[in-house]
Each structure stands twice: as structure tokens, then as C-alpha cells.
């Protein structure tokens, strides 16, 4: 344990692993909205946030649970396809509020190439909300569509284990081998729900 007269106790949220205050300070000084991506064990949520003296003000947001309740999503709520769709939904809502640029805020998540948080950021850029990110760090399209999950399910089916590993998928009426097609359907439904409200640029229905 650190000791001595110069030792400074970290702020509570830093001790709890919730906030990197230095990164937050830099982002707030930029004066731009933040594209906040957070992941839990079961869900993903994305918020477009503006910092104000009294606290953060959420301009637009989306939760991966909404994919199920509003758009018929039957896949997992915290995987790469869900992150992309949640980011897409949040970005469309931000564009509806005339937000066209935001800085990425992935919190304390490690910036791993192809990581789930970057799927959400890629979705924002695809639909026309500029969030700075190198294309090299984003997940490839086949992973975003869930091809890796479909292939894993196919392997498990050969061992008669697929219904154990993907029980929630089957409960919701989805064979995980069909996840890429289902992803396209939900993506198209999200785009269609906003096509009459805003001018969607940079992404096409699949």
C-alpha cells in the first residue's frame, strides 16, 4: 500500500474503476459532445453526452435491450453485432438532434483492435455521425454481422451442443447459424425507422 506525505487518495470513481479523470478532462476541454460506449456482462449502451457545469447532459442514447423490445432482435445483447446496432440507433438519434460530430469515450475499456466498443463507433461513422477512429481498429464486416458466432454454432451443432450454448437464441426463435441474415434484417429495420426523419448518409440497407 502506498504511504508517505505525498500520497494522494484517488477519487472514488477512479478507485472503483469507473472514471479516468485525466481522459475525461481532455475530452471536456475539446468542447465536443462525447460518444460514450459502455459494456456490461449482459448489455451495451451508447450515449451522446455534453458536459455542463452542473453535470453531463445526455443528448441521445440507445440501450441494446431496445433492439429486442423495439426491433425484434433475437441475438445476444452484449456481442459485436448488438454493439454495432446499438451504436447505429444512438447515432441516428443524435443526427436527429443535429449532432454531427462527437469524440469517442470508451471509458476504462482497453482499446483492443476489433473490440466491441469500436463496433458501436464504426456504426456511428457509417451512418454519418463523425466519431474519430482508425478504420484499422474497427471489427471487420463479417464479425459485425456475426459470422463468427454462426460458424461457432455450426461447429457446436455437429457435437450436439448448440442448444445448450445458445439456449437464449432458440428461446427467442433464432437459429444462431442464421444470425448474419437476422442482423441485416434488424439493421434495415432501424434504418427504415429513421429514413423519413433524417438524411442518412454513408450506409446502405443490406
C-alpha atoms as a PDB file:
ATOM      1  CA  UNK A   1       0.000   0.000   0.000  1.00  0.00           C
ATOM      2  CA  UNK A   2       1.304   3.477  -0.904  1.00  0.00           C
ATOM      3  CA  UNK A   3       2.448   5.592   2.038  1.00  0.00           C
ATOM      4  CA  UNK A   4       4.160   8.911   2.704  1.00  0.00           C
ATOM      5  CA  UNK A   5       3.265  12.605   2.957  1.00  0.00           C
ATOM      6  CA  UNK A   6       2.888  12.983  -0.816  1.00  0.00           C
ATOM      7  CA  UNK A   7       0.482  10.080  -1.226  1.00  0.00           C
ATOM      8  CA  UNK A   8      -2.876  11.199  -2.594  1.00  0.00           C
ATOM      9  CA  UNK A   9      -6.011   9.105  -2.343  1.00  0.00           C
ATOM     10  CA  UNK A  10      -7.603   8.584  -5.742  1.00  0.00           C
ATOM     11  CA  UNK A  11     -11.116   9.869  -6.286  1.00  0.00           C
ATOM     12  CA  UNK A  12     -13.854   7.396  -5.514  1.00  0.00           C
ATOM     13  CA  UNK A  13     -14.922   6.693  -9.116  1.00  0.00           C
ATOM     14  CA  UNK A  14     -11.276   6.132 -10.112  1.00  0.00           C
ATOM     15  CA  UNK A  15     -10.803   3.709  -7.210  1.00  0.00           C
ATOM     16  CA  UNK A  16     -13.948   1.886  -8.321  1.00  0.00           C
ATOM     17  CA  UNK A  17     -12.631   1.634 -11.882  1.00  0.00           C
ATOM     18  CA  UNK A  18     -15.412   3.789 -13.351  1.00  0.00           C
ATOM     19  CA  UNK A  19     -13.743   7.046 -14.463  1.00  0.00           C
ATOM     20  CA  UNK A  20     -10.353   8.063 -15.836  1.00  0.00           C
ATOM     21  CA  UNK A  21     -10.398  11.712 -14.816  1.00  0.00           C
ATOM     22  CA  UNK A  22      -7.439  12.738 -16.970  1.00  0.00           C
ATOM     23  CA  UNK A  23      -9.069  11.396 -20.146  1.00  0.00           C
ATOM     24  CA  UNK A  24     -12.369  12.960 -19.150  1.00  0.00           C
ATOM     25  CA  UNK A  25     -10.637  16.310 -18.575  1.00  0.00           C
ATOM     26  CA  UNK A  26      -9.121  16.241 -22.075  1.00  0.00           C
ATOM     27  CA  UNK A  27     -12.451  15.305 -23.680  1.00  0.00           C
ATOM     28  CA  UNK A  28     -14.359  18.015 -21.815  1.00  0.00           C
ATOM     29  CA  UNK A  29     -11.804  20.634 -22.853  1.00  0.00           C
ATOM     30  CA  UNK A  30     -12.371  19.715 -26.512  1.00  0.00           C
ATOM     31  CA  UNK A  31     -15.822  21.282 -26.265  1.00  0.00           C
ATOM     32  CA  UNK A  32     -17.348  18.499 -28.383  1.00  0.00           C
ATOM     33  CA  UNK A  33     -20.066  16.029 -27.409  1.00  0.00           C
ATOM     34  CA  UNK A  34     -18.799  12.620 -26.275  1.00  0.00           C
ATOM     35  CA  UNK A  35     -19.836   9.364 -27.911  1.00  0.00           C
ATOM     36  CA  UNK A  36     -19.933   7.227 -24.785  1.00  0.00           C
ATOM     37  CA  UNK A  37     -19.869   3.435 -25.171  1.00  0.00           C
ATOM     38  CA  UNK A  38     -20.226   1.228 -22.099  1.00  0.00           C
ATOM     39  CA  UNK A  39     -20.469  -2.560 -21.855  1.00  0.00           C
ATOM     40  CA  UNK A  40     -21.666  -4.795 -19.038  1.00  0.00           C
ATOM     41  CA  UNK A  41     -21.863  -8.572 -18.913  1.00  0.00           C
ATOM     42  CA  UNK A  42     -25.377  -8.558 -20.377  1.00  0.00           C
ATOM     43  CA  UNK A  43     -25.906  -5.261 -22.190  1.00  0.00           C
ATOM     44  CA  UNK A  44     -24.366  -2.402 -24.137  1.00  0.00           C
ATOM     45  CA  UNK A  45     -25.454   1.204 -24.018  1.00  0.00           C
ATOM     46  CA  UNK A  46     -24.375   4.206 -26.037  1.00  0.00           C
ATOM     47  CA  UNK A  47     -24.919   7.843 -25.120  1.00  0.00           C
ATOM     48  CA  UNK A  48     -24.087  11.141 -26.794  1.00  0.00           C
ATOM     49  CA  UNK A  49     -23.217  13.418 -23.897  1.00  0.00           C
ATOM     50  CA  UNK A  50     -22.429  17.112 -23.491  1.00  0.00           C
ATOM     51  CA  UNK A  51     -20.546  18.204 -20.358  1.00  0.00           C
ATOM     52  CA  UNK A  52     -22.035  21.131 -18.471  1.00  0.00           C
ATOM     53  CA  UNK A  53     -21.014  22.752 -15.169  1.00  0.00           C
ATOM     54  CA  UNK A  54     -23.907  21.068 -13.372  1.00  0.00           C
ATOM     55  CA  UNK A  55     -23.060  17.663 -14.856  1.00  0.00           C
ATOM     56  CA  UNK A  56     -23.312  15.614 -18.026  1.00  0.00           C
ATOM     57  CA  UNK A  57     -26.328  16.224 -20.263  1.00  0.00           C
ATOM     58  CA  UNK A  58     -27.431  13.262 -22.402  1.00  0.00           C
ATOM     59  CA  UNK A  59     -28.494  14.383 -25.885  1.00  0.00           C
ATOM     60  CA  UNK A  60     -29.297  10.947 -27.305  1.00  0.00           C
ATOM     61  CA  UNK A  61     -28.926   7.369 -26.142  1.00  0.00           C
ATOM     62  CA  UNK A  62     -29.641   3.745 -27.005  1.00  0.00           C
ATOM     63  CA  UNK A  63     -29.572   0.523 -24.983  1.00  0.00           C
ATOM     64  CA  UNK A  64     -29.097  -2.909 -26.514  1.00  0.00           C
ATOM     65  CA  UNK A  65     -32.285  -4.072 -24.785  1.00  0.00           C
ATOM     66  CA  UNK A  66     -34.163  -1.783 -27.198  1.00  0.00           C
ATOM     67  CA  UNK A  67     -33.006  -3.946 -30.098  1.00  0.00           C
ATOM     68  CA  UNK A  68     -35.181  -6.719 -28.669  1.00  0.00           C
ATOM     69  CA  UNK A  69     -38.156  -4.676 -27.481  1.00  0.00           C
ATOM     70  CA  UNK A  70     -38.463  -2.327 -30.488  1.00  0.00           C
ATOM     71  CA  UNK A  71     -36.832  -4.035 -33.457  1.00  0.00           C
ATOM     72  CA  UNK A  72     -37.269  -7.761 -32.840  1.00  0.00           C
ATOM     73  CA  UNK A  73     -33.594  -8.582 -32.221  1.00  0.00           C
ATOM     74  CA  UNK A  74     -33.232 -12.213 -31.154  1.00  0.00           C
ATOM     75  CA  UNK A  75     -29.455 -12.436 -30.745  1.00  0.00           C
ATOM     76  CA  UNK A  76     -27.225 -11.645 -27.783  1.00  0.00           C
ATOM     77  CA  UNK A  77     -27.419  -8.220 -26.151  1.00  0.00           C
ATOM     78  CA  UNK A  78     -23.708  -7.718 -25.457  1.00  0.00           C
ATOM     79  CA  UNK A  79     -21.857  -9.052 -28.504  1.00  0.00           C
ATOM     80  CA  UNK A  80     -20.309  -7.326 -31.519  1.00  0.00           C
ATOM     81  CA  UNK A  81     -23.464  -7.313 -33.718  1.00  0.00           C
ATOM     82  CA  UNK A  82     -25.503  -5.872 -30.844  1.00  0.00           C
ATOM     83  CA  UNK A  83     -22.854  -3.192 -30.230  1.00  0.00           C
ATOM     84  CA  UNK A  84     -22.982  -2.110 -33.876  1.00  0.00           C
ATOM     85  CA  UNK A  85     -26.785  -1.954 -33.922  1.00  0.00           C
ATOM     86  CA  UNK A  86     -26.916  -0.066 -30.615  1.00  0.00           C
ATOM     87  CA  UNK A  87     -24.330   2.418 -31.877  1.00  0.00           C
ATOM     88  CA  UNK A  88     -26.318   2.792 -35.084  1.00  0.00           C
ATOM     89  CA  UNK A  89     -29.510   3.551 -33.187  1.00  0.00           C
ATOM     90  CA  UNK A  90     -27.819   6.076 -30.881  1.00  0.00           C
ATOM     91  CA  UNK A  91     -26.095   7.798 -33.818  1.00  0.00           C
ATOM     92  CA  UNK A  92     -29.362   8.169 -35.731  1.00  0.00           C
ATOM     93  CA  UNK A  93     -30.962   9.742 -32.685  1.00  0.00           C
ATOM     94  CA  UNK A  94     -28.012  12.118 -32.373  1.00  0.00           C
ATOM     95  CA  UNK A  95     -28.282  13.117 -36.023  1.00  0.00           C
ATOM     96  CA  UNK A  96     -31.964  13.763 -35.435  1.00  0.00           C
ATOM     97  CA  UNK A  97     -30.848  16.310 -32.803  1.00  0.00           C
ATOM     98  CA  UNK A  98     -28.412  17.883 -35.319  1.00  0.00           C
ATOM     99  CA  UNK A  99     -25.297  16.430 -33.672  1.00  0.00           C
ATOM    100  CA  UNK A 100     -22.810  15.623 -36.438  1.00  0.00           C
ATOM    101  CA  UNK A 101     -19.512  15.217 -34.538  1.00  0.00           C
ATOM    102  CA  UNK A 102     -18.501  13.615 -31.245  1.00  0.00           C
ATOM    103  CA  UNK A 103     -15.297  12.438 -29.606  1.00  0.00           C
ATOM    104  CA  UNK A 104     -15.041   8.751 -28.648  1.00  0.00           C
ATOM    105  CA  UNK A 105     -15.341   7.875 -24.963  1.00  0.00           C
ATOM    106  CA  UNK A 106     -14.767   4.175 -24.213  1.00  0.00           C
ATOM    107  CA  UNK A 107     -14.176   4.727 -20.507  1.00  0.00           C
ATOM    108  CA  UNK A 108     -11.764   2.237 -18.950  1.00  0.00           C
ATOM    109  CA  UNK A 109     -12.219  -0.330 -21.714  1.00  0.00           C
ATOM    110  CA  UNK A 110      -8.917  -1.391 -23.230  1.00  0.00           C
ATOM    111  CA  UNK A 111      -8.601  -0.172 -26.854  1.00  0.00           C
ATOM    112  CA  UNK A 112      -8.192  -3.641 -28.366  1.00  0.00           C
ATOM    113  CA  UNK A 113      -8.227  -3.937 -32.148  1.00  0.00           C
ATOM    114  CA  UNK A 114     -11.606  -5.262 -33.284  1.00  0.00           C
ATOM    115  CA  UNK A 115     -13.103  -4.665 -29.843  1.00  0.00           C
ATOM    116  CA  UNK A 116     -16.831  -4.496 -29.234  1.00  0.00           C
ATOM    117  CA  UNK A 117     -16.786  -0.779 -28.351  1.00  0.00           C
ATOM    118  CA  UNK A 118     -15.311   0.022 -31.766  1.00  0.00           C
ATOM    119  CA  UNK A 119     -18.208  -1.729 -33.493  1.00  0.00           C
ATOM    120  CA  UNK A 120     -20.512   0.904 -31.985  1.00  0.00           C
ATOM    121  CA  UNK A 121     -18.203   3.724 -33.089  1.00  0.00           C
ATOM    122  CA  UNK A 122     -17.973   2.293 -36.604  1.00  0.00           C
ATOM    123  CA  UNK A 123     -21.765   2.273 -36.814  1.00  0.00           C
ATOM    124  CA  UNK A 124     -21.845   5.986 -35.979  1.00  0.00           C
ATOM    125  CA  UNK A 125     -19.345   6.780 -38.717  1.00  0.00           C
ATOM    126  CA  UNK A 126     -21.173   4.552 -41.202  1.00  0.00           C
ATOM    127  CA  UNK A 127     -24.408   6.459 -40.713  1.00  0.00           C
ATOM    128  CA  UNK A 128     -22.867   9.936 -40.917  1.00  0.00           C
ATOM    129  CA  UNK A 129     -22.048  10.874 -37.301  1.00  0.00           C
ATOM    130  CA  UNK A 130     -18.313  11.599 -37.289  1.00  0.00           C
ATOM    131  CA  UNK A 131     -16.525   9.939 -34.365  1.00  0.00           C
ATOM    132  CA  UNK A 132     -12.739   9.843 -34.912  1.00  0.00           C
ATOM    133  CA  UNK A 133     -11.440   6.282 -35.160  1.00  0.00           C
ATOM    134  CA  UNK A 134      -8.917   4.467 -37.334  1.00  0.00           C
ATOM    135  CA  UNK A 135     -10.643   2.026 -39.677  1.00  0.00           C
ATOM    136  CA  UNK A 136      -7.910  -0.479 -38.858  1.00  0.00           C
ATOM    137  CA  UNK A 137      -9.098  -0.838 -35.275  1.00  0.00           C
ATOM    138  CA  UNK A 138     -12.755  -1.482 -36.163  1.00  0.00           C
ATOM    139  CA  UNK A 139     -14.087  -5.056 -36.371  1.00  0.00           C
ATOM    140  CA  UNK A 140     -14.384  -6.431 -39.921  1.00  0.00           C
ATOM    141  CA  UNK A 141     -17.818  -6.601 -41.538  1.00  0.00           C
ATOM    142  CA  UNK A 142     -18.160 -10.376 -41.211  1.00  0.00           C
ATOM    143  CA  UNK A 143     -17.608 -10.108 -37.459  1.00  0.00           C
ATOM    144  CA  UNK A 144     -20.042  -7.210 -37.173  1.00  0.00           C
ATOM    145  CA  UNK A 145     -22.677  -9.340 -38.905  1.00  0.00           C
ATOM    146  CA  UNK A 146     -21.993 -12.225 -36.520  1.00  0.00           C
ATOM    147  CA  UNK A 147     -20.367 -14.672 -38.938  1.00  0.00           C
ATOM    148  CA  UNK A 148     -18.007 -15.874 -36.191  1.00  0.00           C
ATOM    149  CA  UNK A 149     -21.000 -16.677 -33.990  1.00  0.00           C
ATOM    150  CA  UNK A 150     -22.756 -18.532 -36.808  1.00  0.00           C
ATOM    151  CA  UNK A 151     -19.653 -20.595 -37.539  1.00  0.00           C
ATOM    152  CA  UNK A 152     -19.213 -21.417 -33.854  1.00  0.00           C
ATOM    153  CA  UNK A 153     -22.862 -22.514 -33.683  1.00  0.00           C
ATOM    154  CA  UNK A 154     -22.349 -24.740 -36.720  1.00  0.00           C
ATOM    155  CA  UNK A 155     -19.382 -26.399 -35.029  1.00  0.00           C
ATOM    156  CA  UNK A 156     -21.384 -26.960 -31.841  1.00  0.00           C
ATOM    157  CA  UNK A 157     -24.298 -28.406 -33.809  1.00  0.00           C
ATOM    158  CA  UNK A 158     -22.013 -31.160 -35.054  1.00  0.00           C
ATOM    159  CA  UNK A 159     -21.319 -32.040 -31.405  1.00  0.00           C
ATOM    160  CA  UNK A 160     -24.985 -31.730 -30.370  1.00  0.00           C
ATOM    161  CA  UNK A 161     -24.123 -28.856 -28.026  1.00  0.00           C
ATOM    162  CA  UNK A 162     -25.605 -25.881 -29.857  1.00  0.00           C
ATOM    163  CA  UNK A 163     -28.920 -25.806 -27.970  1.00  0.00           C
ATOM    164  CA  UNK A 164     -27.063 -25.752 -24.664  1.00  0.00           C
ATOM    165  CA  UNK A 165     -24.699 -22.925 -25.586  1.00  0.00           C
ATOM    166  CA  UNK A 166     -27.316 -20.866 -27.470  1.00  0.00           C
ATOM    167  CA  UNK A 167     -30.415 -21.653 -25.420  1.00  0.00           C
ATOM    168  CA  UNK A 168     -31.470 -17.984 -25.249  1.00  0.00           C
ATOM    169  CA  UNK A 169     -31.296 -17.665 -29.029  1.00  0.00           C
ATOM    170  CA  UNK A 170     -33.550 -20.679 -29.529  1.00  0.00           C
ATOM    171  CA  UNK A 171     -35.947 -19.435 -26.838  1.00  0.00           C
ATOM    172  CA  UNK A 172     -36.348 -16.240 -28.862  1.00  0.00           C
ATOM    173  CA  UNK A 173     -36.849 -18.219 -32.075  1.00  0.00           C
ATOM    174  CA  UNK A 174     -33.461 -17.784 -33.751  1.00  0.00           C
ATOM    175  CA  UNK A 175     -31.093 -20.437 -35.015  1.00  0.00           C
ATOM    176  CA  UNK A 176     -27.670 -18.831 -34.360  1.00  0.00           C
ATOM    177  CA  UNK A 177     -26.450 -20.052 -37.760  1.00  0.00           C
ATOM    178  CA  UNK A 178     -28.893 -17.510 -39.249  1.00  0.00           C
ATOM    179  CA  UNK A 179     -27.562 -14.610 -37.180  1.00  0.00           C
ATOM    180  CA  UNK A 180     -25.906 -12.707 -40.098  1.00  0.00           C
ATOM    181  CA  UNK A 181     -29.188 -12.662 -42.042  1.00  0.00           C
ATOM    182  CA  UNK A 182     -31.099 -11.654 -38.923  1.00  0.00           C
ATOM    183  CA  UNK A 183     -28.563  -8.869 -38.289  1.00  0.00           C
ATOM    184  CA  UNK A 184     -29.233  -7.470 -41.767  1.00  0.00           C
ATOM    185  CA  UNK A 185     -32.983  -7.552 -41.143  1.00  0.00           C
ATOM    186  CA  UNK A 186     -32.734  -5.634 -37.864  1.00  0.00           C
ATOM    187  CA  UNK A 187     -30.229  -3.160 -39.306  1.00  0.00           C
ATOM    188  CA  UNK A 188     -32.600  -2.452 -42.185  1.00  0.00           C
ATOM    189  CA  UNK A 189     -35.496  -2.008 -39.749  1.00  0.00           C
ATOM    190  CA  UNK A 190     -33.511   0.562 -37.740  1.00  0.00           C
ATOM    191  CA  UNK A 191     -32.510   2.479 -40.872  1.00  0.00           C
ATOM    192  CA  UNK A 192     -36.078   2.392 -42.205  1.00  0.00           C
ATOM    193  CA  UNK A 193     -37.439   3.813 -38.945  1.00  0.00           C
ATOM    194  CA  UNK A 194     -35.302   6.948 -39.383  1.00  0.00           C
ATOM    195  CA  UNK A 195     -35.131   7.276 -43.172  1.00  0.00           C
ATOM    196  CA  UNK A 196     -38.090   9.661 -43.243  1.00  0.00           C
ATOM    197  CA  UNK A 197     -36.769  11.789 -40.358  1.00  0.00           C
ATOM    198  CA  UNK A 198     -33.170  12.497 -41.345  1.00  0.00           C
ATOM    199  CA  UNK A 199     -30.888  12.320 -44.335  1.00  0.00           C
ATOM    200  CA  UNK A 200     -28.906   9.138 -43.700  1.00  0.00           C
ATOM    201  CA  UNK A 201     -25.506   9.244 -45.335  1.00  0.00           C
ATOM    202  CA  UNK A 202     -22.762   6.673 -45.771  1.00  0.00           C
ATOM    203  CA  UNK A 203     -24.651   3.467 -45.004  1.00  0.00           C
ATOM    204  CA  UNK A 204     -26.922   1.365 -47.149  1.00  0.00           C
ATOM    205  CA  UNK A 205     -29.514  -1.216 -46.284  1.00  0.00           C
ATOM    206  CA  UNK A 206     -28.252  -4.762 -46.715  1.00  0.00           C
END
